[in-house]
Amino acid sequence: MADNTRKEPKDWVSGDDPMTGAQESYLKTLAEQAHRDLPEEELTKAEASELIDEMRQKAGLER
């Protein structure tokens, strides 16, 4: 049986909307932990989610 409870961010209906305040705040925290700079441009919800996953991995945090 396929697991359809988790969609890829690129497949989200609202994925092209601007990132949320919560995503932006969390990204700032993760960027500090992962020793990375945040992109200068505004991110979409989908882009922010993918970047959060990437930075969590680099920071050694479990998903």
PDB file of N, CA and C in Angstrom:
ATOM      1  N   MET A   1       0.839  -1.180   0.000  1.00  0.00           N
ATOM      2  CA  MET A   1       0.000   0.000   0.000  1.00  0.00           C
ATOM      3  C   MET A   1       0.890   1.252   0.000  1.00  0.00           C
ATOM      4  N   ALA A   2       0.607   2.153  -0.896  1.00  0.00           N
ATOM      5  CA  ALA A   2       1.416   3.368  -1.021  1.00  0.00           C
ATOM      6  C   ALA A   2       1.117   4.328   0.130  1.00  0.00           C
ATOM      7  N   ASP A   3       2.151   5.030   0.555  1.00  0.00           N
ATOM      8  CA  ASP A   3       2.001   6.032   1.601  1.00  0.00           C
ATOM      9  C   ASP A   3       1.792   7.383   0.945  1.00  0.00           C
ATOM     10  N   ASN A   4       0.557   7.869   0.989  1.00  0.00           N
ATOM     11  CA  ASN A   4       0.268   9.164   0.373  1.00  0.00           C
ATOM     12  C   ASN A   4       0.084  10.257   1.417  1.00  0.00           C
ATOM     13  N   THR A   5       0.586  10.036   2.624  1.00  0.00           N
ATOM     14  CA  THR A   5       0.439  11.035   3.673  1.00  0.00           C
ATOM     15  C   THR A   5       1.524  12.095   3.609  1.00  0.00           C
ATOM     16  N   ARG A   6       2.563  11.862   2.843  1.00  0.00           N
ATOM     17  CA  ARG A   6       3.656  12.841   2.744  1.00  0.00           C
ATOM     18  C   ARG A   6       3.887  13.168   1.276  1.00  0.00           C
ATOM     19  N   LYS A   7       3.652  14.419   0.912  1.00  0.00           N
ATOM     20  CA  LYS A   7       3.908  14.887  -0.445  1.00  0.00           C
ATOM     21  C   LYS A   7       5.243  15.597  -0.479  1.00  0.00           C
ATOM     22  N   GLU A   8       5.876  15.535  -1.607  1.00  0.00           N
ATOM     23  CA  GLU A   8       7.082  16.306  -1.831  1.00  0.00           C
ATOM     24  C   GLU A   8       6.697  17.779  -1.873  1.00  0.00           C
ATOM     25  N   PRO A   9       7.533  18.654  -1.302  1.00  0.00           N
ATOM     26  CA  PRO A   9       7.195  20.084  -1.304  1.00  0.00           C
ATOM     27  C   PRO A   9       6.867  20.637  -2.686  1.00  0.00           C
ATOM     28  N   LYS A  10       7.531  20.150  -3.717  1.00  0.00           N
ATOM     29  CA  LYS A  10       7.265  20.663  -5.068  1.00  0.00           C
ATOM     30  C   LYS A  10       5.856  20.320  -5.549  1.00  0.00           C
ATOM     31  N   ASP A  11       5.211  19.342  -4.886  1.00  0.00           N
ATOM     32  CA  ASP A  11       3.867  18.918  -5.261  1.00  0.00           C
ATOM     33  C   ASP A  11       2.771  19.568  -4.418  1.00  0.00           C
ATOM     34  N   TRP A  12       3.143  20.431  -3.471  1.00  0.00           N
ATOM     35  CA  TRP A  12       2.158  21.091  -2.621  1.00  0.00           C
ATOM     36  C   TRP A  12       1.337  22.090  -3.434  1.00  0.00           C
ATOM     37  N   VAL A  13       0.061  22.179  -3.138  1.00  0.00           N
ATOM     38  CA  VAL A  13      -0.790  23.170  -3.788  1.00  0.00           C
ATOM     39  C   VAL A  13      -0.318  24.576  -3.432  1.00  0.00           C
ATOM     40  N   SER A  14       0.087  24.777  -2.174  1.00  0.00           N
ATOM     41  CA  SER A  14       0.519  26.106  -1.723  1.00  0.00           C
ATOM     42  C   SER A  14       2.038  26.255  -1.744  1.00  0.00           C
ATOM     43  N   GLY A  15       2.727  25.370  -2.424  1.00  0.00           N
ATOM     44  CA  GLY A  15       4.188  25.385  -2.436  1.00  0.00           C
ATOM     45  C   GLY A  15       4.805  26.646  -3.007  1.00  0.00           C
ATOM     46  N   ASP A  16       4.069  27.342  -3.872  1.00  0.00           N
ATOM     47  CA  ASP A  16       4.586  28.574  -4.476  1.00  0.00           C
ATOM     48  C   ASP A  16       4.291  29.811  -3.636  1.00  0.00           C
ATOM     49  N   ASP A  17       3.534  29.658  -2.557  1.00  0.00           N
ATOM     50  CA  ASP A  17       3.260  30.779  -1.660  1.00  0.00           C
ATOM     51  C   ASP A  17       4.551  31.170  -0.946  1.00  0.00           C
ATOM     52  N   PRO A  18       4.638  32.413  -0.479  1.00  0.00           N
ATOM     53  CA  PRO A  18       5.827  32.819   0.280  1.00  0.00           C
ATOM     54  C   PRO A  18       5.961  31.978   1.551  1.00  0.00           C
ATOM     55  N   MET A  19       7.208  31.773   1.978  1.00  0.00           N
ATOM     56  CA  MET A  19       7.425  31.001   3.196  1.00  0.00           C
ATOM     57  C   MET A  19       6.722  31.672   4.374  1.00  0.00           C
ATOM     58  N   THR A  20       6.380  30.876   5.358  1.00  0.00           N
ATOM     59  CA  THR A  20       5.686  31.401   6.530  1.00  0.00           C
ATOM     60  C   THR A  20       6.685  32.036   7.495  1.00  0.00           C
ATOM     61  N   GLY A  21       6.174  32.794   8.424  1.00  0.00           N
ATOM     62  CA  GLY A  21       7.021  33.386   9.450  1.00  0.00           C
ATOM     63  C   GLY A  21       7.713  32.328  10.283  1.00  0.00           C
ATOM     64  N   ALA A  22       6.984  31.246  10.557  1.00  0.00           N
ATOM     65  CA  ALA A  22       7.569  30.147  11.336  1.00  0.00           C
ATOM     66  C   ALA A  22       8.724  29.502  10.581  1.00  0.00           C
ATOM     67  N   GLN A  23       8.559  29.302   9.275  1.00  0.00           N
ATOM     68  CA  GLN A  23       9.641  28.729   8.477  1.00  0.00           C
ATOM     69  C   GLN A  23      10.856  29.651   8.482  1.00  0.00           C
ATOM     70  N   GLU A  24      10.625  30.934   8.327  1.00  0.00           N
ATOM     71  CA  GLU A  24      11.728  31.892   8.299  1.00  0.00           C
ATOM     72  C   GLU A  24      12.490  31.899   9.628  1.00  0.00           C
ATOM     73  N   SER A  25      11.756  31.885  10.725  1.00  0.00           N
ATOM     74  CA  SER A  25      12.378  31.874  12.042  1.00  0.00           C
ATOM     75  C   SER A  25      13.185  30.599  12.252  1.00  0.00           C
ATOM     76  N   TYR A  26      12.608  29.470  11.881  1.00  0.00           N
ATOM     77  CA  TYR A  26      13.291  28.185  12.051  1.00  0.00           C
ATOM     78  C   TYR A  26      14.529  28.114  11.164  1.00  0.00           C
ATOM     79  N   LEU A  27      14.433  28.634   9.951  1.00  0.00           N
ATOM     80  CA  LEU A  27      15.590  28.647   9.060  1.00  0.00           C
ATOM     81  C   LEU A  27      16.737  29.460   9.641  1.00  0.00           C
ATOM     82  N   LYS A  28      16.423  30.577  10.278  1.00  0.00           N
ATOM     83  CA  LYS A  28      17.471  31.397  10.898  1.00  0.00           C
ATOM     84  C   LYS A  28      18.177  30.609  11.994  1.00  0.00           C
ATOM     85  N   THR A  29      17.406  29.906  12.803  1.00  0.00           N
ATOM     86  CA  THR A  29      17.983  29.086  13.874  1.00  0.00           C
ATOM     87  C   THR A  29      18.842  27.968  13.295  1.00  0.00           C
ATOM     88  N   LEU A  30      18.315  27.274  12.295  1.00  0.00           N
ATOM     89  CA  LEU A  30      19.060  26.169  11.678  1.00  0.00           C
ATOM     90  C   LEU A  30      20.323  26.665  10.980  1.00  0.00           C
ATOM     91  N   ALA A  31      20.252  27.821  10.350  1.00  0.00           N
ATOM     92  CA  ALA A  31      21.417  28.368   9.654  1.00  0.00           C
ATOM     93  C   ALA A  31      22.553  28.603  10.645  1.00  0.00           C
ATOM     94  N   GLU A  32      22.218  29.080  11.815  1.00  0.00           N
ATOM     95  CA  GLU A  32      23.245  29.271  12.843  1.00  0.00           C
ATOM     96  C   GLU A  32      23.852  27.935  13.259  1.00  0.00           C
ATOM     97  N   GLN A  33      23.004  26.922  13.465  1.00  0.00           N
ATOM     98  CA  GLN A  33      23.483  25.605  13.887  1.00  0.00           C
ATOM     99  C   GLN A  33      24.285  24.907  12.801  1.00  0.00           C
ATOM    100  N   ALA A  34      23.901  25.123  11.536  1.00  0.00           N
ATOM    101  CA  ALA A  34      24.576  24.469  10.414  1.00  0.00           C
ATOM    102  C   ALA A  34      25.725  25.312   9.870  1.00  0.00           C
ATOM    103  N   HIS A  35      25.951  26.494  10.461  1.00  0.00           N
ATOM    104  CA  HIS A  35      27.012  27.411  10.014  1.00  0.00           C
ATOM    105  C   HIS A  35      26.860  27.741   8.525  1.00  0.00           C
ATOM    106  N   ARG A  36      25.640  28.141   8.171  1.00  0.00           N
ATOM    107  CA  ARG A  36      25.329  28.503   6.784  1.00  0.00           C
ATOM    108  C   ARG A  36      24.659  29.855   6.726  1.00  0.00           C
ATOM    109  N   ASP A  37      24.807  30.495   5.596  1.00  0.00           N
ATOM    110  CA  ASP A  37      24.082  31.736   5.350  1.00  0.00           C
ATOM    111  C   ASP A  37      22.765  31.394   4.665  1.00  0.00           C
ATOM    112  N   LEU A  38      21.773  32.213   4.917  1.00  0.00           N
ATOM    113  CA  LEU A  38      20.495  32.041   4.242  1.00  0.00           C
ATOM    114  C   LEU A  38      20.525  32.716   2.887  1.00  0.00           C
ATOM    115  N   PRO A  39      19.766  32.205   1.920  1.00  0.00           N
ATOM    116  CA  PRO A  39      19.695  32.867   0.614  1.00  0.00           C
ATOM    117  C   PRO A  39      19.164  34.288   0.762  1.00  0.00           C
ATOM    118  N   GLU A  40      19.615  35.167  -0.089  1.00  0.00           N
ATOM    119  CA  GLU A  40      19.177  36.566  -0.063  1.00  0.00           C
ATOM    120  C   GLU A  40      17.742  36.719  -0.565  1.00  0.00           C
ATOM    121  N   GLU A  41      17.357  35.906  -1.545  1.00  0.00           N
ATOM    122  CA  GLU A  41      16.040  36.052  -2.156  1.00  0.00           C
ATOM    123  C   GLU A  41      14.954  35.436  -1.261  1.00  0.00           C
ATOM    124  N   GLU A  42      13.733  35.905  -1.486  1.00  0.00           N
ATOM    125  CA  GLU A  42      12.585  35.356  -0.764  1.00  0.00           C
ATOM    126  C   GLU A  42      12.340  33.922  -1.217  1.00  0.00           C
ATOM    127  N   LEU A  43      12.043  33.052  -0.290  1.00  0.00           N
ATOM    128  CA  LEU A  43      11.796  31.657  -0.606  1.00  0.00           C
ATOM    129  C   LEU A  43      10.299  31.357  -0.613  1.00  0.00           C
ATOM    130  N   THR A  44       9.929  30.347  -1.379  1.00  0.00           N
ATOM    131  CA  THR A  44       8.556  29.855  -1.330  1.00  0.00           C
ATOM    132  C   THR A  44       8.444  28.864  -0.173  1.00  0.00           C
ATOM    133  N   LYS A  45       7.213  28.467   0.147  1.00  0.00           N
ATOM    134  CA  LYS A  45       7.010  27.470   1.197  1.00  0.00           C
ATOM    135  C   LYS A  45       7.753  26.178   0.859  1.00  0.00           C
ATOM    136  N   ALA A  46       7.670  25.766  -0.392  1.00  0.00           N
ATOM    137  CA  ALA A  46       8.328  24.520  -0.812  1.00  0.00           C
ATOM    138  C   ALA A  46       9.847  24.639  -0.705  1.00  0.00           C
ATOM    139  N   GLU A  47      10.405  25.745  -1.176  1.00  0.00           N
ATOM    140  CA  GLU A  47      11.853  25.942  -1.102  1.00  0.00           C
ATOM    141  C   GLU A  47      12.318  25.988   0.351  1.00  0.00           C
ATOM    142  N   ALA A  48      11.565  26.679   1.194  1.00  0.00           N
ATOM    143  CA  ALA A  48      11.922  26.769   2.605  1.00  0.00           C
ATOM    144  C   ALA A  48      11.895  25.391   3.254  1.00  0.00           C
ATOM    145  N   SER A  49      10.890  24.593   2.928  1.00  0.00           N
ATOM    146  CA  SER A  49      10.791  23.255   3.498  1.00  0.00           C
ATOM    147  C   SER A  49      11.982  22.390   3.091  1.00  0.00           C
ATOM    148  N   GLU A  50      12.353  22.455   1.830  1.00  0.00           N
ATOM    149  CA  GLU A  50      13.501  21.682   1.353  1.00  0.00           C
ATOM    150  C   GLU A  50      14.793  22.148   2.012  1.00  0.00           C
ATOM    151  N   LEU A  51      14.938  23.460   2.183  1.00  0.00           N
ATOM    152  CA  LEU A  51      16.131  23.999   2.831  1.00  0.00           C
ATOM    153  C   LEU A  51      16.164  23.616   4.315  1.00  0.00           C
ATOM    154  N   ILE A  52      15.016  23.602   4.960  1.00  0.00           N
ATOM    155  CA  ILE A  52      14.933  23.168   6.353  1.00  0.00           C
ATOM    156  C   ILE A  52      15.407  21.727   6.470  1.00  0.00           C
ATOM    157  N   ASP A  53      14.921  20.860   5.596  1.00  0.00           N
ATOM    158  CA  ASP A  53      15.346  19.451   5.623  1.00  0.00           C
ATOM    159  C   ASP A  53      16.857  19.330   5.430  1.00  0.00           C
ATOM    160  N   GLU A  54      17.395  20.080   4.480  1.00  0.00           N
ATOM    161  CA  GLU A  54      18.830  20.039   4.192  1.00  0.00           C
ATOM    162  C   GLU A  54      19.650  20.525   5.396  1.00  0.00           C
ATOM    163  N   MET A  55      19.227  21.629   5.983  1.00  0.00           N
ATOM    164  CA  MET A  55      19.977  22.180   7.110  1.00  0.00           C
ATOM    165  C   MET A  55      19.851  21.312   8.358  1.00  0.00           C
ATOM    166  N   ARG A  56      18.694  20.704   8.569  1.00  0.00           N
ATOM    167  CA  ARG A  56      18.531  19.789   9.706  1.00  0.00           C
ATOM    168  C   ARG A  56      19.517  18.635   9.581  1.00  0.00           C
ATOM    169  N   GLN A  57      19.671  18.139   8.371  1.00  0.00           N
ATOM    170  CA  GLN A  57      20.601  17.039   8.134  1.00  0.00           C
ATOM    171  C   GLN A  57      22.037  17.488   8.409  1.00  0.00           C
ATOM    172  N   LYS A  58      22.407  18.663   7.916  1.00  0.00           N
ATOM    173  CA  LYS A  58      23.760  19.178   8.115  1.00  0.00           C
ATOM    174  C   LYS A  58      24.041  19.494   9.581  1.00  0.00           C
ATOM    175  N   ALA A  59      23.008  19.882  10.311  1.00  0.00           N
ATOM    176  CA  ALA A  59      23.160  20.210  11.721  1.00  0.00           C
ATOM    177  C   ALA A  59      23.121  18.946  12.594  1.00  0.00           C
ATOM    178  N   GLY A  60      22.842  17.794  11.972  1.00  0.00           N
ATOM    179  CA  GLY A  60      22.794  16.541  12.714  1.00  0.00           C
ATOM    180  C   GLY A  60      21.510  16.357  13.507  1.00  0.00           C
ATOM    181  N   LEU A  61      20.440  16.991  13.076  1.00  0.00           N
ATOM    182  CA  LEU A  61      19.154  16.867  13.754  1.00  0.00           C
ATOM    183  C   LEU A  61      18.298  15.809  13.077  1.00  0.00           C
ATOM    184  N   GLU A  62      17.571  15.068  13.862  1.00  0.00           N
ATOM    185  CA  GLU A  62      16.670  14.050  13.309  1.00  0.00           C
ATOM    186  C   GLU A  62      15.444  14.726  12.747  1.00  0.00           C
ATOM    187  N   ARG A  63      14.814  14.092  11.814  1.00  0.00           N
ATOM    188  CA  ARG A  63      13.590  14.607  11.220  1.00  0.00           C
ATOM    189  C   ARG A  63      12.400  14.130  11.990  1.00  0.00           C
TER     190      ARG A  63
END
